Amino acid sequence: MKRKIIIIVLTLCLLTGIYCYTKLPEYHITNSMSTSNQDSRNTQLKVIVYKYFKINNTIQKIKSEHNRINGTPTTLKINLYYPKWFLRDSSN
């Protein structure tokens, strides 16, 4: 009986974890810094990445979304952070 309860609880924990992971966004743009002068416009983005697979496609999505909303900058620097690293050291 005790073993069945442990298996049920572990299964529920696993299913809850899978459900929460599927509801996470691929990324979240936390900060955007843009500087400009007469000849150029430089933009730096801080992005938290929650889903690491197909990272090149995720970077292209971030770039195209930024360019669609704000226009194309001369240089675009995208700083990617994992969630725990960003929470621990957000000074970069």
Protein backbone atom coordinates (compact mmCIF):
# COMPACT_ATOMS: atom_id res chain seq x y z
CA MET A 1 0.00 0.00 0.00
CA LYS A 2 2.78 2.43 0.92
CA ARG A 3 4.62 1.63 -2.30
CA LYS A 4 1.53 2.41 -4.40
CA ILE A 5 1.15 5.79 -2.71
CA ILE A 6 4.81 6.64 -3.37
CA ILE A 7 4.47 5.66 -7.04
CA ILE A 8 1.30 7.74 -7.41
CA VAL A 9 2.91 10.79 -5.76
CA LEU A 10 6.05 10.52 -7.90
CA THR A 11 3.95 10.15 -11.06
CA LEU A 12 1.91 13.23 -10.14
CA CYS A 13 5.12 15.20 -9.48
CA LEU A 14 6.54 14.13 -12.84
CA LEU A 15 3.34 15.06 -14.69
CA THR A 16 3.19 18.42 -12.91
CA GLY A 17 6.81 19.14 -13.90
CA ILE A 18 6.15 18.24 -17.54
CA TYR A 19 3.02 20.42 -17.57
CA CYS A 20 4.88 23.41 -16.12
CA TYR A 21 7.75 22.99 -18.61
CA THR A 22 5.40 22.92 -21.60
CA LYS A 23 3.74 26.15 -20.43
CA LEU A 24 7.05 28.07 -20.28
CA PRO A 25 7.81 30.46 -23.14
CA GLU A 26 10.88 29.79 -25.28
CA TYR A 27 12.45 33.06 -24.15
CA HIS A 28 11.75 36.32 -22.34
CA ILE A 29 13.37 39.65 -23.26
CA THR A 30 14.16 41.31 -19.93
CA ASN A 31 16.09 44.39 -21.00
CA SER A 32 16.74 46.37 -24.17
CA MET A 33 19.39 49.09 -24.34
CA SER A 34 19.70 51.19 -27.47
CA THR A 35 22.25 53.91 -28.22
CA SER A 36 22.41 55.96 -31.36
CA ASN A 37 24.35 58.72 -33.05
CA GLN A 38 24.30 60.22 -36.54
CA ASP A 39 25.72 57.17 -38.31
CA SER A 40 24.61 54.14 -36.32
CA ARG A 41 22.18 52.64 -33.86
CA ASN A 42 23.44 49.94 -31.50
CA THR A 43 21.10 47.72 -29.52
CA GLN A 44 21.83 45.27 -26.72
CA LEU A 45 19.22 42.77 -25.50
CA LYS A 46 19.20 40.66 -22.33
CA VAL A 47 17.17 37.52 -22.92
CA ILE A 48 16.32 34.66 -20.56
CA VAL A 49 16.10 31.39 -22.53
CA TYR A 50 13.88 28.72 -20.98
CA LYS A 51 13.99 26.12 -23.75
CA TYR A 52 17.51 25.44 -25.01
CA PHE A 53 16.84 23.13 -27.94
CA LYS A 54 17.01 24.66 -31.43
CA ILE A 55 18.79 27.71 -30.01
CA ASN A 56 19.68 29.06 -33.47
CA ASN A 57 15.99 29.23 -34.40
CA THR A 58 15.24 30.94 -31.10
CA ILE A 59 17.92 33.57 -31.77
CA GLN A 60 16.45 34.21 -35.23
CA LYS A 61 12.97 34.61 -33.68
CA ILE A 62 14.34 37.13 -31.17
CA LYS A 63 16.12 39.05 -33.92
CA SER A 64 13.13 39.14 -36.27
CA GLU A 65 10.72 40.15 -33.48
CA HIS A 66 13.03 42.96 -32.39
CA ASN A 67 13.52 44.20 -35.96
CA ARG A 68 9.77 44.06 -36.64
CA ILE A 69 8.96 46.13 -33.56
CA ASN A 70 11.91 48.57 -33.44
CA GLY A 71 13.44 48.54 -36.91
CA THR A 72 16.79 47.12 -37.94
CA PRO A 73 19.74 48.45 -35.90
CA THR A 74 23.32 48.77 -37.15
CA THR A 75 24.49 46.25 -34.55
CA LEU A 76 22.36 43.94 -32.43
CA LYS A 77 23.98 42.19 -29.46
CA ILE A 78 21.89 39.48 -27.82
CA ASN A 79 23.01 38.29 -24.37
CA LEU A 80 21.44 34.92 -23.53
CA TYR A 81 20.99 33.80 -19.94
CA TYR A 82 19.76 30.61 -18.35
CA PRO A 83 17.11 31.31 -15.69
CA LYS A 84 19.23 30.40 -12.63
CA TRP A 85 22.30 32.26 -13.91
CA PHE A 86 20.30 35.40 -14.59
CA LEU A 87 18.79 35.40 -11.13
CA ARG A 88 22.19 34.86 -9.52
CA ASP A 89 24.15 37.45 -11.52
CA SER A 90 22.09 39.99 -13.41
CA SER A 91 24.77 42.68 -13.36
CA ASN A 92 26.23 41.79 -16.81
